[in-house]
Amino acid sequence: MALLYGILMMSFIGFILMGIDKRKARKEQWRIPEKTLWLWAIIGGAPGMWPGMKAFHHKTKHKTFKFGLPILTIMWLLLLIYLS
């Protein structure tokens, strides 16, 4: 159960990170490094970052994000199912 809550929290923050980075991109300000976004996705934020990518139309042309976030999301969901 703790893992589920952790993934939900990480996903929520991941969604917010995608929105913040998109806003900063539009304003031509300092951006969140892609390495940071990927680290967040890997440690549990992918399930929130994927809808964030769609909602904010952010990183949608990057093939690594376009295919990587759905793959990571599926992996996290399978892990949650396996451990429950």
C-alpha atoms as a PDB file:
ATOM      1  CA  MET A   1       0.000   0.000   0.000  1.00  0.00           C
ATOM      2  CA  ALA A   2       2.894   2.349   0.779  1.00  0.00           C
ATOM      3  CA  LEU A   3       4.289   1.778  -2.716  1.00  0.00           C
ATOM      4  CA  LEU A   4       0.947   2.761  -4.243  1.00  0.00           C
ATOM      5  CA  TYR A   5       0.839   6.001  -2.261  1.00  0.00           C
ATOM      6  CA  GLY A   6       4.444   6.701  -3.181  1.00  0.00           C
ATOM      7  CA  ILE A   7       3.742   6.216  -6.882  1.00  0.00           C
ATOM      8  CA  LEU A   8       0.665   8.440  -6.652  1.00  0.00           C
ATOM      9  CA  MET A   9       2.668  11.206  -4.973  1.00  0.00           C
ATOM     10  CA  MET A  10       5.574  10.890  -7.420  1.00  0.00           C
ATOM     11  CA  SER A  11       3.124  10.885 -10.337  1.00  0.00           C
ATOM     12  CA  PHE A  12       1.384  14.025  -9.109  1.00  0.00           C
ATOM     13  CA  ILE A  13       4.723  15.808  -8.771  1.00  0.00           C
ATOM     14  CA  GLY A  14       5.770  14.493 -12.209  1.00  0.00           C
ATOM     15  CA  PHE A  15       2.599  15.952 -13.741  1.00  0.00           C
ATOM     16  CA  ILE A  16       3.396  19.303 -12.126  1.00  0.00           C
ATOM     17  CA  LEU A  17       7.024  19.156 -13.339  1.00  0.00           C
ATOM     18  CA  MET A  18       5.870  18.755 -16.935  1.00  0.00           C
ATOM     19  CA  GLY A  19       3.626  21.813 -16.573  1.00  0.00           C
ATOM     20  CA  ILE A  20       6.378  23.890 -14.963  1.00  0.00           C
ATOM     21  CA  ASP A  21       8.896  22.946 -17.654  1.00  0.00           C
ATOM     22  CA  LYS A  22       6.422  23.774 -20.427  1.00  0.00           C
ATOM     23  CA  ARG A  23       5.697  27.166 -18.865  1.00  0.00           C
ATOM     24  CA  LYS A  24       9.404  27.901 -18.590  1.00  0.00           C
ATOM     25  CA  ALA A  25       9.940  26.824 -22.213  1.00  0.00           C
ATOM     26  CA  ARG A  26       7.305  29.283 -23.400  1.00  0.00           C
ATOM     27  CA  LYS A  27       8.868  32.099 -21.375  1.00  0.00           C
ATOM     28  CA  GLU A  28      12.380  31.147 -22.533  1.00  0.00           C
ATOM     29  CA  GLN A  29      13.517  30.748 -18.925  1.00  0.00           C
ATOM     30  CA  TRP A  30      15.786  28.246 -17.203  1.00  0.00           C
ATOM     31  CA  ARG A  31      14.430  24.742 -17.823  1.00  0.00           C
ATOM     32  CA  ILE A  32      14.290  21.530 -15.869  1.00  0.00           C
ATOM     33  CA  PRO A  33      17.069  19.347 -17.321  1.00  0.00           C
ATOM     34  CA  GLU A  34      15.901  16.275 -19.243  1.00  0.00           C
ATOM     35  CA  LYS A  35      18.080  14.128 -16.976  1.00  0.00           C
ATOM     36  CA  THR A  36      16.043  15.350 -14.003  1.00  0.00           C
ATOM     37  CA  LEU A  37      12.755  14.609 -15.777  1.00  0.00           C
ATOM     38  CA  TRP A  38      13.961  11.104 -16.646  1.00  0.00           C
ATOM     39  CA  LEU A  39      15.189  10.457 -13.122  1.00  0.00           C
ATOM     40  CA  TRP A  40      11.790  11.488 -11.778  1.00  0.00           C
ATOM     41  CA  ALA A  41      10.030   9.238 -14.293  1.00  0.00           C
ATOM     42  CA  ILE A  42      12.216   6.261 -13.410  1.00  0.00           C
ATOM     43  CA  ILE A  43      11.714   6.577  -9.655  1.00  0.00           C
ATOM     44  CA  GLY A  44       7.935   6.579  -9.994  1.00  0.00           C
ATOM     45  CA  GLY A  45       6.756   9.751 -11.681  1.00  0.00           C
ATOM     46  CA  ALA A  46       6.122   8.304 -15.145  1.00  0.00           C
ATOM     47  CA  PRO A  47       2.415   7.508 -14.569  1.00  0.00           C
ATOM     48  CA  GLY A  48       1.796  11.218 -13.947  1.00  0.00           C
ATOM     49  CA  MET A  49       4.298  12.578 -16.418  1.00  0.00           C
ATOM     50  CA  TRP A  50       2.720  10.746 -19.344  1.00  0.00           C
ATOM     51  CA  PRO A  51      -0.674  12.497 -18.961  1.00  0.00           C
ATOM     52  CA  GLY A  52       1.248  15.695 -18.144  1.00  0.00           C
ATOM     53  CA  MET A  53       3.058  15.379 -21.464  1.00  0.00           C
ATOM     54  CA  LYS A  54      -0.303  15.085 -23.216  1.00  0.00           C
ATOM     55  CA  ALA A  55      -2.081  17.802 -21.218  1.00  0.00           C
ATOM     56  CA  PHE A  56       0.660  20.412 -21.636  1.00  0.00           C
ATOM     57  CA  HIS A  57       1.738  19.280 -25.144  1.00  0.00           C
ATOM     58  CA  HIS A  58       5.256  19.071 -23.776  1.00  0.00           C
ATOM     59  CA  LYS A  59       8.037  16.819 -25.077  1.00  0.00           C
ATOM     60  CA  THR A  60       5.580  15.193 -27.489  1.00  0.00           C
ATOM     61  CA  LYS A  61       8.022  15.396 -30.401  1.00  0.00           C
ATOM     62  CA  HIS A  62      10.838  13.756 -28.440  1.00  0.00           C
ATOM     63  CA  LYS A  63      10.690  10.060 -29.306  1.00  0.00           C
ATOM     64  CA  THR A  64      12.386   9.133 -26.047  1.00  0.00           C
ATOM     65  CA  PHE A  65       9.585  10.755 -24.071  1.00  0.00           C
ATOM     66  CA  LYS A  66       6.832   9.778 -26.503  1.00  0.00           C
ATOM     67  CA  PHE A  67       7.654   6.079 -26.154  1.00  0.00           C
ATOM     68  CA  GLY A  68       9.651   5.978 -22.933  1.00  0.00           C
ATOM     69  CA  LEU A  69       7.030   7.414 -20.584  1.00  0.00           C
ATOM     70  CA  PRO A  70       4.302   4.957 -21.649  1.00  0.00           C
ATOM     71  CA  ILE A  71       6.747   2.053 -21.287  1.00  0.00           C
ATOM     72  CA  LEU A  72       7.807   3.188 -17.815  1.00  0.00           C
ATOM     73  CA  THR A  73       4.163   3.717 -16.833  1.00  0.00           C
ATOM     74  CA  ILE A  74       3.279   0.169 -17.883  1.00  0.00           C
ATOM     75  CA  MET A  75       6.286  -1.171 -15.998  1.00  0.00           C
ATOM     76  CA  TRP A  76       5.242   0.648 -12.808  1.00  0.00           C
ATOM     77  CA  LEU A  77       1.654  -0.550 -13.132  1.00  0.00           C
ATOM     78  CA  LEU A  78       2.787  -4.138 -13.664  1.00  0.00           C
ATOM     79  CA  LEU A  79       5.019  -3.890 -10.602  1.00  0.00           C
ATOM     80  CA  LEU A  80       2.115  -2.599  -8.519  1.00  0.00           C
ATOM     81  CA  ILE A  81      -0.110  -5.435  -9.731  1.00  0.00           C
ATOM     82  CA  TYR A  82       2.611  -8.007  -9.078  1.00  0.00           C
ATOM     83  CA  LEU A  83       3.251  -6.770  -5.536  1.00  0.00           C
ATOM     84  CA  SER A  84      -0.408  -6.480  -4.553  1.00  0.00           C
END
